[in-house]
Amino acid sequence: VDAIVWWIDYGATTHVCKDRCWFKTYEPVEDGSVLYIVDDHFAPVHGKGSVALEFSFGKTITLFNVLYVP
């Protein structure tokens, strides 16, 4: 996992990825969903799916229901 690409937030309730190429499964979201960030800011959700994270020590974990927010 590249630290430049991923931020770890142990208090987050949702996984979010900005790069479509990381998704192993993907389905578009066209219902107007938005991700609320802070201070009344938000970003549109374009899709959701699963992302497999491969660590340098050989471990892979898969995150499900990851939101695609470019």
N, C-alpha and C. Protein backbone atom coordinates (compact mmCIF):
# COMPACT_ATOMS: atom_id res chain seq x y z
N VAL A 1 0.86 -1.17 0.00
CA VAL A 1 0.00 0.00 0.00
C VAL A 1 0.90 1.23 0.00
N ASP A 2 0.66 2.11 -0.92
CA ASP A 2 1.44 3.33 -1.06
C ASP A 2 0.89 4.40 -0.13
N ALA A 3 1.70 4.87 0.80
CA ALA A 3 1.25 5.87 1.77
C ALA A 3 0.83 7.17 1.11
N ILE A 4 1.35 7.44 -0.07
CA ILE A 4 0.97 8.67 -0.78
C ILE A 4 -0.46 8.55 -1.32
N VAL A 5 -0.88 7.36 -1.64
CA VAL A 5 -2.19 7.14 -2.22
C VAL A 5 -3.27 6.97 -1.16
N TRP A 6 -2.95 6.36 -0.03
CA TRP A 6 -3.94 6.02 0.99
C TRP A 6 -3.68 6.75 2.29
N TRP A 7 -4.76 7.26 2.89
CA TRP A 7 -4.72 7.82 4.24
C TRP A 7 -5.48 6.85 5.12
N ILE A 8 -4.94 6.53 6.25
CA ILE A 8 -5.60 5.65 7.20
C ILE A 8 -6.28 6.51 8.26
N ASP A 9 -7.57 6.31 8.43
CA ASP A 9 -8.33 7.03 9.46
C ASP A 9 -9.10 5.99 10.25
N TYR A 10 -8.62 5.68 11.43
CA TYR A 10 -9.23 4.63 12.24
C TYR A 10 -10.62 4.99 12.74
N GLY A 11 -10.99 6.25 12.66
CA GLY A 11 -12.32 6.67 13.10
C GLY A 11 -13.32 6.79 11.96
N ALA A 12 -12.89 6.49 10.74
CA ALA A 12 -13.77 6.63 9.59
C ALA A 12 -14.87 5.57 9.60
N THR A 13 -16.03 5.95 9.12
CA THR A 13 -17.15 5.01 9.03
C THR A 13 -17.34 4.49 7.61
N THR A 14 -16.61 5.06 6.66
CA THR A 14 -16.73 4.69 5.25
C THR A 14 -15.35 4.66 4.62
N HIS A 15 -15.11 3.66 3.76
CA HIS A 15 -13.87 3.63 2.98
C HIS A 15 -14.12 4.42 1.70
N VAL A 16 -13.13 5.22 1.29
CA VAL A 16 -13.25 6.06 0.11
C VAL A 16 -11.98 5.93 -0.72
N CYS A 17 -12.13 5.85 -2.03
CA CYS A 17 -10.99 5.78 -2.94
C CYS A 17 -11.22 6.76 -4.08
N LYS A 18 -10.17 7.50 -4.47
CA LYS A 18 -10.31 8.49 -5.53
C LYS A 18 -9.89 7.98 -6.90
N ASP A 19 -9.32 6.78 -6.97
CA ASP A 19 -8.77 6.26 -8.22
C ASP A 19 -9.53 5.02 -8.68
N ARG A 20 -10.20 5.12 -9.79
CA ARG A 20 -11.05 4.03 -10.30
C ARG A 20 -10.26 2.75 -10.57
N CYS A 21 -8.99 2.86 -10.94
CA CYS A 21 -8.21 1.68 -11.30
C CYS A 21 -7.95 0.74 -10.11
N TRP A 22 -8.14 1.19 -8.88
CA TRP A 22 -7.93 0.35 -7.70
C TRP A 22 -9.10 -0.62 -7.46
N PHE A 23 -10.23 -0.38 -8.08
CA PHE A 23 -11.42 -1.19 -7.81
C PHE A 23 -11.35 -2.54 -8.52
N LYS A 24 -11.57 -3.60 -7.76
CA LYS A 24 -11.65 -4.96 -8.32
C LYS A 24 -13.07 -5.25 -8.79
N THR A 25 -14.06 -4.75 -8.06
CA THR A 25 -15.46 -4.77 -8.51
C THR A 25 -15.95 -3.34 -8.45
N TYR A 26 -16.90 -3.02 -9.30
CA TYR A 26 -17.36 -1.63 -9.37
C TYR A 26 -18.76 -1.57 -9.94
N GLU A 27 -19.59 -0.73 -9.34
CA GLU A 27 -20.90 -0.44 -9.91
C GLU A 27 -21.15 1.05 -9.78
N PRO A 28 -21.63 1.68 -10.84
CA PRO A 28 -21.91 3.12 -10.78
C PRO A 28 -23.02 3.43 -9.78
N VAL A 29 -22.94 4.60 -9.19
CA VAL A 29 -23.99 5.10 -8.30
C VAL A 29 -24.57 6.33 -8.99
N GLU A 30 -25.84 6.26 -9.30
CA GLU A 30 -26.48 7.35 -10.03
C GLU A 30 -27.69 7.91 -9.28
N ASP A 31 -27.66 7.77 -7.95
CA ASP A 31 -28.81 8.20 -7.15
C ASP A 31 -28.59 9.56 -6.49
N GLY A 32 -27.50 10.26 -6.88
CA GLY A 32 -27.23 11.57 -6.29
C GLY A 32 -26.55 11.52 -4.94
N SER A 33 -25.99 10.36 -4.57
CA SER A 33 -25.31 10.23 -3.28
C SER A 33 -24.12 11.18 -3.20
N VAL A 34 -23.91 11.71 -2.00
CA VAL A 34 -22.77 12.57 -1.76
C VAL A 34 -22.06 12.13 -0.48
N LEU A 35 -20.78 12.43 -0.40
CA LEU A 35 -19.98 12.16 0.78
C LEU A 35 -19.79 13.48 1.51
N TYR A 36 -20.30 13.56 2.73
CA TYR A 36 -20.13 14.76 3.53
C TYR A 36 -18.77 14.70 4.22
N ILE A 37 -18.03 15.78 4.11
CA ILE A 37 -16.66 15.80 4.62
C ILE A 37 -16.64 16.61 5.92
N VAL A 38 -16.26 17.84 5.89
CA VAL A 38 -16.25 18.71 7.07
C VAL A 38 -16.73 20.10 6.67
N ASP A 39 -17.16 20.85 7.65
CA ASP A 39 -17.55 22.25 7.43
C ASP A 39 -18.55 22.40 6.28
N ASP A 40 -19.53 21.51 6.22
CA ASP A 40 -20.57 21.54 5.20
C ASP A 40 -20.05 21.35 3.78
N HIS A 41 -18.88 20.75 3.61
CA HIS A 41 -18.37 20.42 2.28
C HIS A 41 -18.81 19.00 1.94
N PHE A 42 -18.99 18.76 0.65
CA PHE A 42 -19.37 17.42 0.21
C PHE A 42 -18.81 17.17 -1.18
N ALA A 43 -18.78 15.89 -1.56
CA ALA A 43 -18.30 15.49 -2.88
C ALA A 43 -19.25 14.43 -3.42
N PRO A 44 -19.54 14.45 -4.73
CA PRO A 44 -20.44 13.45 -5.30
C PRO A 44 -19.79 12.06 -5.33
N VAL A 45 -20.59 11.05 -5.04
CA VAL A 45 -20.15 9.66 -5.11
C VAL A 45 -20.48 9.16 -6.52
N HIS A 46 -19.46 8.66 -7.22
CA HIS A 46 -19.65 8.19 -8.60
C HIS A 46 -19.93 6.69 -8.68
N GLY A 47 -19.50 5.94 -7.65
CA GLY A 47 -19.70 4.50 -7.68
C GLY A 47 -19.27 3.87 -6.37
N LYS A 48 -19.35 2.53 -6.34
CA LYS A 48 -18.90 1.79 -5.16
C LYS A 48 -18.47 0.40 -5.58
N GLY A 49 -17.68 -0.24 -4.73
CA GLY A 49 -17.21 -1.58 -5.05
C GLY A 49 -16.18 -2.05 -4.04
N SER A 50 -15.36 -3.02 -4.46
CA SER A 50 -14.34 -3.57 -3.56
C SER A 50 -12.95 -3.19 -4.06
N VAL A 51 -12.05 -3.01 -3.10
CA VAL A 51 -10.66 -2.64 -3.38
C VAL A 51 -9.76 -3.59 -2.61
N ALA A 52 -8.81 -4.21 -3.31
CA ALA A 52 -7.84 -5.09 -2.66
C ALA A 52 -6.55 -4.31 -2.42
N LEU A 53 -6.12 -4.28 -1.16
CA LEU A 53 -4.89 -3.59 -0.79
C LEU A 53 -3.80 -4.62 -0.56
N GLU A 54 -2.71 -4.51 -1.32
CA GLU A 54 -1.59 -5.43 -1.20
C GLU A 54 -0.46 -4.73 -0.46
N PHE A 55 -0.07 -5.29 0.67
CA PHE A 55 0.97 -4.70 1.50
C PHE A 55 2.34 -5.25 1.11
N SER A 56 3.38 -4.49 1.40
CA SER A 56 4.75 -4.87 1.02
C SER A 56 5.22 -6.15 1.72
N PHE A 57 4.61 -6.51 2.84
CA PHE A 57 5.01 -7.72 3.56
C PHE A 57 4.23 -8.95 3.12
N GLY A 58 3.46 -8.83 2.01
CA GLY A 58 2.79 -9.98 1.42
C GLY A 58 1.33 -10.17 1.77
N LYS A 59 0.80 -9.41 2.69
CA LYS A 59 -0.59 -9.54 3.11
C LYS A 59 -1.49 -8.73 2.18
N THR A 60 -2.66 -9.27 1.85
CA THR A 60 -3.67 -8.56 1.06
C THR A 60 -4.97 -8.53 1.85
N ILE A 61 -5.58 -7.36 1.93
CA ILE A 61 -6.91 -7.27 2.53
C ILE A 61 -7.84 -6.65 1.50
N THR A 62 -9.09 -7.06 1.54
CA THR A 62 -10.09 -6.52 0.63
C THR A 62 -11.09 -5.69 1.41
N LEU A 63 -11.27 -4.46 0.96
CA LEU A 63 -12.27 -3.56 1.53
C LEU A 63 -13.51 -3.62 0.66
N PHE A 64 -14.67 -3.75 1.27
CA PHE A 64 -15.93 -3.82 0.53
C PHE A 64 -16.73 -2.53 0.73
N ASN A 65 -17.65 -2.28 -0.18
CA ASN A 65 -18.49 -1.08 -0.13
C ASN A 65 -17.66 0.21 -0.09
N VAL A 66 -16.56 0.22 -0.83
CA VAL A 66 -15.71 1.40 -0.93
C VAL A 66 -16.38 2.38 -1.88
N LEU A 67 -16.45 3.64 -1.49
CA LEU A 67 -17.04 4.66 -2.35
C LEU A 67 -15.99 5.22 -3.29
N TYR A 68 -16.38 5.41 -4.55
CA TYR A 68 -15.51 6.03 -5.54
C TYR A 68 -15.86 7.51 -5.61
N VAL A 69 -14.93 8.33 -5.11
CA VAL A 69 -15.12 9.78 -5.08
C VAL A 69 -13.87 10.41 -5.69
N PRO A 70 -13.90 10.64 -7.01
CA PRO A 70 -12.68 11.18 -7.66
C PRO A 70 -12.40 12.63 -7.28
